[in-house]
Protein backbone atom coordinates (compact mmCIF):
# COMPACT_ATOMS: atom_id res chain seq x y z
CA MET A 1 0.04 -0.32 -0.13
CA SER A 2 1.43 3.48 -0.90
CA LYS A 3 2.52 6.21 1.55
CA ILE A 4 0.24 8.75 2.09
CA LYS A 5 1.75 11.96 1.51
CA PHE A 6 1.55 15.18 3.42
CA ALA A 7 2.51 18.81 3.27
CA ILE A 8 2.49 21.47 6.24
CA ILE A 9 1.47 24.88 6.23
CA GLY A 10 3.50 26.61 8.85
CA TYR A 11 6.56 25.67 10.75
CA GLY A 12 6.39 27.47 13.87
CA ASN A 13 6.74 25.37 16.83
CA ILE A 14 3.61 23.24 16.00
CA GLY A 15 4.30 22.44 12.57
CA LYS A 16 7.52 20.87 13.93
CA ARG A 17 5.83 18.86 15.36
CA HIS A 18 3.24 17.57 13.16
CA ALA A 19 6.55 17.61 11.01
CA HIS A 20 8.09 15.08 13.25
CA HIS A 21 5.55 12.47 13.78
CA ILE A 22 4.65 12.31 9.98
CA LEU A 23 8.57 11.82 9.21
CA ALA A 24 8.48 8.75 12.04
CA ASN A 25 5.06 7.06 10.68
CA PRO A 26 6.63 4.40 8.18
CA GLU A 27 2.95 4.38 6.20
CA ALA A 28 3.11 8.42 5.72
CA GLU A 29 5.55 10.60 3.67
CA LEU A 30 6.63 14.03 4.24
CA THR A 31 6.81 16.20 0.87
CA ALA A 32 7.09 20.01 1.21
CA ILE A 33 6.81 23.01 3.93
CA CYS A 34 5.29 26.36 3.23
CA GLU A 35 6.24 29.27 5.21
CA VAL A 36 5.99 32.92 5.50
CA PRO A 37 8.53 34.56 3.37
CA GLU A 38 10.84 35.86 6.62
CA PHE A 39 11.15 32.93 7.98
CA ILE A 40 14.55 31.12 7.15
CA PHE A 41 14.75 26.90 6.60
CA ASP A 42 18.13 26.39 8.04
CA THR A 43 19.95 23.08 8.80
CA SER A 44 17.29 21.27 10.98
CA MET A 45 14.88 21.17 8.34
CA PRO A 46 14.68 17.30 6.84
CA ALA A 47 16.92 16.68 4.00
CA GLY A 48 14.76 15.97 0.77
CA ILE A 49 11.85 18.08 1.31
CA LYS A 50 10.74 20.86 -0.95
CA THR A 51 10.25 24.44 0.71
CA TYR A 52 8.16 26.97 -0.28
CA HIS A 53 7.29 31.15 0.89
CA ASP A 54 4.58 30.96 -1.23
CA ILE A 55 1.15 29.37 -0.61
CA GLU A 56 -0.34 29.66 -4.28
CA LEU A 57 3.06 28.15 -5.48
CA PHE A 58 3.41 25.68 -2.88
CA LEU A 59 -0.25 24.42 -3.18
CA LYS A 60 0.02 24.35 -6.83
CA ASP A 61 2.96 22.37 -7.26
CA CYS A 62 3.57 20.54 -3.74
CA ASP A 63 2.67 16.75 -3.98
CA ALA A 64 0.34 15.88 -1.43
CA ASP A 65 -2.84 13.86 -0.49
CA VAL A 66 -2.87 15.63 2.88
CA VAL A 67 -2.08 19.32 4.07
CA ASN A 68 -1.62 20.16 7.58
CA VAL A 69 -2.81 23.73 8.79
CA CYS A 70 -0.37 24.59 11.69
CA THR A 71 -0.60 28.45 11.12
CA PRO A 72 -1.74 31.01 13.82
CA ASN A 73 -5.49 30.78 14.72
CA TYR A 74 -6.60 33.80 12.69
CA LEU A 75 -5.49 31.87 9.42
CA HIS A 76 -6.56 28.25 9.91
CA HIS A 77 -9.60 29.69 7.99
CA ALA A 78 -8.35 31.04 4.50
CA HIS A 79 -5.47 28.50 4.66
CA THR A 80 -7.73 25.53 5.22
CA ILE A 81 -10.24 26.87 1.87
CA LYS A 82 -7.10 27.23 -0.37
CA ALA A 83 -5.65 23.68 0.81
CA LEU A 84 -9.01 21.84 -0.01
CA GLN A 85 -9.85 24.01 -2.79
CA SER A 86 -6.35 22.52 -4.21
CA GLY A 87 -8.00 19.19 -3.98
CA ARG A 88 -6.13 18.08 -0.74
CA HIS A 89 -7.73 16.77 2.38
CA VAL A 90 -6.60 19.11 5.57
CA VAL A 91 -5.51 18.28 9.18
CA CYS A 92 -6.49 21.73 10.90
CA GLU A 93 -4.59 22.46 14.20
CA LYS A 94 -7.02 24.23 17.22
CA PRO A 95 -9.00 25.66 16.91
CA MET A 96 -10.52 25.05 14.05
CA ALA A 97 -11.09 28.59 13.37
CA VAL A 98 -11.73 31.70 15.27
CA SER A 99 -15.42 31.82 14.93
CA SER A 100 -18.15 29.54 14.11
CA SER A 101 -19.09 31.11 11.11
CA GLN A 102 -15.68 30.46 9.40
CA CYS A 103 -15.90 27.04 10.39
CA ASP A 104 -19.48 27.04 7.89
CA GLU A 105 -17.72 28.50 5.11
CA MET A 106 -14.62 25.64 5.73
CA ILE A 107 -17.36 22.95 6.26
CA ASN A 108 -19.39 24.04 2.84
CA VAL A 109 -15.87 23.91 0.74
CA ALA A 110 -15.05 20.46 2.17
CA GLU A 111 -18.18 19.06 1.37
CA LYS A 112 -17.97 20.73 -2.14
CA MET A 113 -14.64 19.27 -2.87
CA GLN A 114 -15.61 15.64 -1.22
CA LYS A 115 -12.63 16.20 1.09
CA THR A 116 -12.36 15.88 4.63
CA ILE A 117 -10.97 18.03 7.61
CA TYR A 118 -9.30 16.32 10.33
CA VAL A 119 -9.30 18.82 13.39
CA VAL A 120 -6.56 18.40 16.22
CA LYS A 121 -8.17 17.60 19.44
CA GLN A 122 -4.90 14.98 20.55
CA ASN A 123 -5.95 15.13 24.57
CA ARG A 124 -9.05 12.69 23.09
CA TYR A 125 -6.28 10.29 23.05
CA ASN A 126 -5.20 10.75 26.70
CA GLU A 127 -5.95 7.04 28.28
CA PRO A 128 -7.50 8.57 31.20
CA VAL A 129 -9.72 10.51 29.04
CA GLN A 130 -10.65 7.32 27.23
CA GLN A 131 -11.33 5.74 30.11
CA VAL A 132 -13.84 8.10 31.68
CA LYS A 133 -15.56 8.03 27.87
CA LYS A 134 -16.06 4.27 28.17
CA LEU A 135 -17.48 5.05 31.64
CA LEU A 136 -20.11 7.40 30.53
CA ASP A 137 -20.95 5.89 26.84
CA THR A 138 -21.23 2.54 29.30
CA GLN A 139 -23.79 4.70 31.88
CA THR A 140 -21.67 3.03 34.37
CA LEU A 141 -21.82 6.43 36.29
CA GLY A 142 -25.08 7.06 35.87
CA GLU A 143 -26.50 10.72 36.03
CA ILE A 144 -24.16 13.12 35.57
CA TYR A 145 -24.48 15.81 38.12
CA PHE A 146 -21.58 17.97 38.74
CA VAL A 147 -18.48 18.64 36.97
CA ASN A 148 -15.24 20.81 37.58
CA VAL A 149 -12.66 21.89 35.45
CA ASN A 150 -9.40 23.55 36.65
CA CYS A 151 -6.75 24.81 33.65
CA PHE A 152 -4.05 26.65 35.44
CA TRP A 153 -1.24 27.02 33.10
CA ASN A 154 1.69 29.44 33.29
CA ARG A 155 2.15 31.67 29.66
CA ASN A 156 4.78 34.20 30.66
CA GLU A 157 6.01 37.17 28.61
CA TYR A 158 8.90 35.14 26.31
CA TYR A 159 5.67 33.42 24.95
CA TYR A 160 4.01 36.45 23.92
CA ASN A 161 7.06 38.38 22.49
CA GLU A 162 7.46 35.00 20.32
CA SER A 163 4.99 35.86 17.67
CA ALA A 164 2.98 39.02 17.24
CA TRP A 165 -0.44 36.88 16.78
CA ARG A 166 -0.39 35.75 20.59
CA GLY A 167 -2.13 38.11 22.39
CA ASP A 168 -4.00 39.82 19.97
CA LYS A 169 -8.08 39.55 20.08
CA GLN A 170 -8.52 39.56 16.36
CA MET A 171 -5.85 37.19 15.43
CA ASP A 172 -5.08 35.34 19.03
CA GLY A 173 -9.17 35.30 19.69
CA GLY A 174 -8.30 34.56 23.38
CA CYS A 175 -7.43 32.04 26.06
CA LEU A 176 -10.41 29.67 25.62
CA PHE A 177 -8.88 29.45 21.63
CA THR A 178 -5.33 29.52 22.31
CA GLN A 179 -4.82 27.60 25.31
CA PHE A 180 -8.08 25.99 26.79
CA SER A 181 -9.97 24.77 23.69
CA HIS A 182 -8.62 21.42 24.60
CA PHE A 183 -10.66 21.33 27.86
CA VAL A 184 -13.54 22.95 26.22
CA ASP A 185 -13.36 19.86 23.60
CA ILE A 186 -13.00 17.52 26.24
CA LEU A 187 -16.09 19.00 27.83
CA TYR A 188 -18.10 18.75 24.92
CA TYR A 189 -16.64 15.25 23.84
CA LEU A 190 -17.23 13.86 27.01
CA PHE A 191 -20.49 15.54 28.37
CA GLY A 192 -22.12 17.06 25.13
CA ASP A 193 -23.58 20.60 24.41
CA ILE A 194 -23.82 23.44 26.79
CA ASP A 195 -27.40 25.02 27.08
CA HIS A 196 -26.56 27.59 29.77
CA CYS A 197 -23.52 29.78 30.54
CA LYS A 198 -22.35 32.75 32.54
CA GLY A 199 -18.46 33.80 33.53
CA ILE A 200 -16.23 36.41 34.25
CA ILE A 201 -13.08 37.08 32.69
CA LYS A 202 -9.75 39.00 33.65
CA ASN A 203 -6.78 40.06 32.72
CA PHE A 204 -4.55 39.87 36.43
CA ASN A 205 -0.90 39.73 34.81
CA HIS A 206 -0.29 40.22 31.20
CA PRO A 207 -0.78 43.66 30.72
CA TYR A 208 1.18 43.54 27.56
CA ILE A 209 -1.53 41.40 25.49
CA GLU A 210 -5.53 42.58 24.46
CA ILE A 211 -6.79 39.09 26.28
CA GLU A 212 -7.81 37.59 29.18
CA ASP A 213 -5.50 35.55 31.25
CA THR A 214 -8.03 34.17 33.83
CA GLY A 215 -11.35 33.00 34.21
CA SER A 216 -14.31 31.23 35.50
CA PHE A 217 -17.81 30.06 34.27
CA PHE A 218 -20.55 28.73 35.50
CA MET A 219 -22.50 26.33 32.99
CA GLN A 220 -25.06 23.73 32.61
CA THR A 221 -24.86 20.80 30.08
CA MET A 222 -28.35 19.74 27.64
CA GLN A 223 -28.57 16.86 30.03
CA GLY A 224 -28.53 18.97 33.25
CA ALA A 225 -24.86 18.56 34.86
CA ILE A 226 -23.81 21.49 36.70
CA VAL A 227 -20.19 22.59 35.00
CA ASN A 228 -17.62 24.67 36.66
CA PHE A 229 -15.03 25.69 34.37
CA ASN A 230 -12.01 27.83 35.85
CA PHE A 231 -8.44 28.61 33.74
CA SER A 232 -5.98 30.70 34.28
CA THR A 233 -2.08 31.15 32.51
CA CYS A 234 -0.95 33.15 35.76
CA SER A 235 0.61 29.79 37.55
CA TYR A 236 3.13 30.71 38.96
CA GLU A 237 6.34 29.49 36.79
CA LYS A 238 4.88 26.23 35.36
CA ASN A 239 1.86 24.54 34.28
CA MET A 240 0.07 23.48 37.58
CA GLU A 241 -3.08 21.51 36.30
CA GLY A 242 -5.42 20.32 33.79
CA ALA A 243 -8.28 18.33 35.66
CA PHE A 244 -11.61 17.17 35.38
CA THR A 245 -13.82 16.06 38.28
CA ILE A 246 -17.44 14.18 37.88
CA LEU A 247 -19.63 13.27 40.73
CA ALA A 248 -22.25 11.40 39.41
CA GLU A 249 -24.93 9.33 40.50
CA ASN A 250 -22.91 5.36 40.43
CA GLY A 251 -19.56 7.32 41.19
CA THR A 252 -16.97 10.21 41.45
CA VAL A 253 -13.76 9.83 39.54
CA LYS A 254 -11.42 12.83 39.09
CA ILE A 255 -8.97 13.18 36.11
CA GLY A 256 -5.49 14.96 36.77
CA GLY A 257 -2.23 15.68 36.57
CA GLN A 258 -0.60 18.67 34.71
CA TYR A 259 -2.31 17.17 31.12
CA LEU A 260 -5.40 14.98 31.77
CA ASN A 261 -2.97 11.89 32.46
CA THR A 262 -3.47 10.34 35.15
CA ILE A 263 -6.49 9.13 37.38
CA GLU A 264 -6.38 11.13 40.66
CA TYR A 265 -9.38 9.72 42.28
CA GLN A 266 -11.90 7.13 41.70
CA HIS A 267 -14.64 5.49 43.92
CA ILE A 268 -17.43 3.97 41.25
CA LYS A 269 -20.09 1.58 42.23
CA ASN A 270 -18.89 -1.78 41.06
CA THR A 271 -16.02 -0.88 38.48
CA ILE A 272 -12.37 -0.16 39.44
CA LEU A 273 -10.55 1.59 36.35
CA PRO A 274 -7.01 0.48 35.96
CA ASP A 275 -3.99 2.57 37.73
CA ILE A 276 -2.90 5.31 34.97
CA LYS A 277 -0.58 7.40 35.82
CA ILE A 278 1.19 8.15 32.18
CA GLU A 279 4.30 9.97 32.17
CA ALA A 280 3.40 13.53 30.95
CA LYS A 281 4.74 13.97 27.58
CA ALA A 282 3.59 17.76 27.26
CA ASN A 283 4.93 19.73 23.95
CA ASP A 284 8.25 21.35 25.55
CA TYR A 285 8.94 24.56 23.95
CA GLY A 286 11.89 25.23 26.22
CA LYS A 287 10.82 28.61 28.14
CA TYR A 288 7.13 27.13 28.43
CA GLN A 289 5.04 23.59 28.13
CA GLY A 290 2.25 23.19 26.00
CA SER A 291 -0.65 20.04 26.16
CA MET A 292 0.01 16.61 25.80
CA SER A 293 1.75 15.35 22.34
CA ASN A 294 -0.26 12.81 20.96
CA HIS A 295 0.21 14.21 17.73
CA ASP A 296 1.66 10.77 16.41
CA ARG A 297 -2.22 9.29 16.70
CA VAL A 298 -3.57 12.16 15.18
CA ILE A 299 -1.50 11.54 11.94
CA ASN A 300 -2.20 7.98 12.49
CA ASN A 301 -6.02 8.41 12.50
CA VAL A 302 -5.81 10.29 9.44
CA ILE A 303 -3.81 7.70 7.59
CA ARG A 304 -6.24 4.89 9.07
CA HIS A 305 -9.44 6.82 8.01
CA LEU A 306 -8.12 7.27 4.43
CA GLN A 307 -7.23 3.70 4.46
CA GLY A 308 -10.74 3.02 5.52
CA THR A 309 -10.26 1.35 8.92
CA GLU A 310 -10.89 3.79 11.29
CA ASN A 311 -13.29 6.95 11.79
CA VAL A 312 -12.37 10.32 11.99
CA MET A 313 -11.13 11.22 15.80
CA THR A 314 -12.67 14.67 15.58
CA ASN A 315 -14.43 15.78 12.30
CA ASP A 316 -14.98 19.21 11.35
CA SER A 317 -18.79 19.47 12.62
CA GLU A 318 -16.95 18.72 16.06
CA GLY A 319 -14.36 21.07 15.54
CA LYS A 320 -17.15 23.80 14.97
CA LYS A 321 -19.27 23.08 18.13
CA VAL A 322 -16.02 23.63 20.10
CA VAL A 323 -16.11 26.76 18.96
CA GLU A 324 -19.71 27.54 18.82
CA ILE A 325 -19.48 26.48 23.10
CA ILE A 326 -16.15 29.33 23.38
CA GLU A 327 -18.21 31.95 21.65
CA LYS A 328 -21.04 31.47 24.10
CA MET A 329 -18.87 31.36 26.71
CA TYR A 330 -17.64 34.55 25.54
CA ALA A 331 -20.82 36.39 24.86
CA ASN A 332 -22.18 35.43 28.32
CA ILE A 333 -19.46 37.27 30.30
CA ASN A 334 -21.10 39.20 33.92
CA ILE A 335 -18.37 41.64 34.57
């Protein structure tokens, strides 16, 4: 069976992460990379891969079945549409876009071109998340009463100075789009859509950006569970926690660690989950850390789907739903 050919738009931190996992997959081939004109492709570039600074030439010339869009948030919409219109499937980094209307346009083009958009939500693959997903799918926990989400990370001045789009209201969108869309996605993945929400956001410690650094939301799922969603990029010096605590009719369970990588607590009727304490393999960018690095699983899912052996882990309608929930949260700020 021939290899699936990939090309990448955007060769920053996350683009390099995609390249690493494509190159490591024996069923994948990386054929080309496109970056902005100012970017210098140095000796760290993998050998034999074509490089471009012009996206139109890149899409016209490169040999690829799939284009991975790894550019800043505000460019996902335009770059995904261009790649789809060139006749390629697209792997789109989170967030899918910075508005649900942009997501609609992307979905419409994908349908017209009969291509697939794979939205990157790699935390769905975390084993503790999958264990709790099974509990919910089998209704082992019974009625869900309360869900507490804590996302306490650090993003320092270096992080924002590294790229001009970060912290810009129009280009970034806000912490819920850039840092914590993964947690909004897991909330949706496990418990479904949100009905009501009210919240507060504030910038405590990042006066050089236009967006919030802290927020707290009180919400309710469509099934009636109460949700408390707390987030901040003010954790002192390093990431502290990424956690979901679930109180339900037949049990209590907490997915914890810095990156949803452990089962911290469980007491469930007639059920014992595996003792999961995964070594947190975060995306390490030197002076700050990102979320769990499951991009190898994302690439493998794309390959398996194109081969006809797996369903898409996160499709475009789910990517849009996460954006819709974030829009609802920002639209319901009290103070």
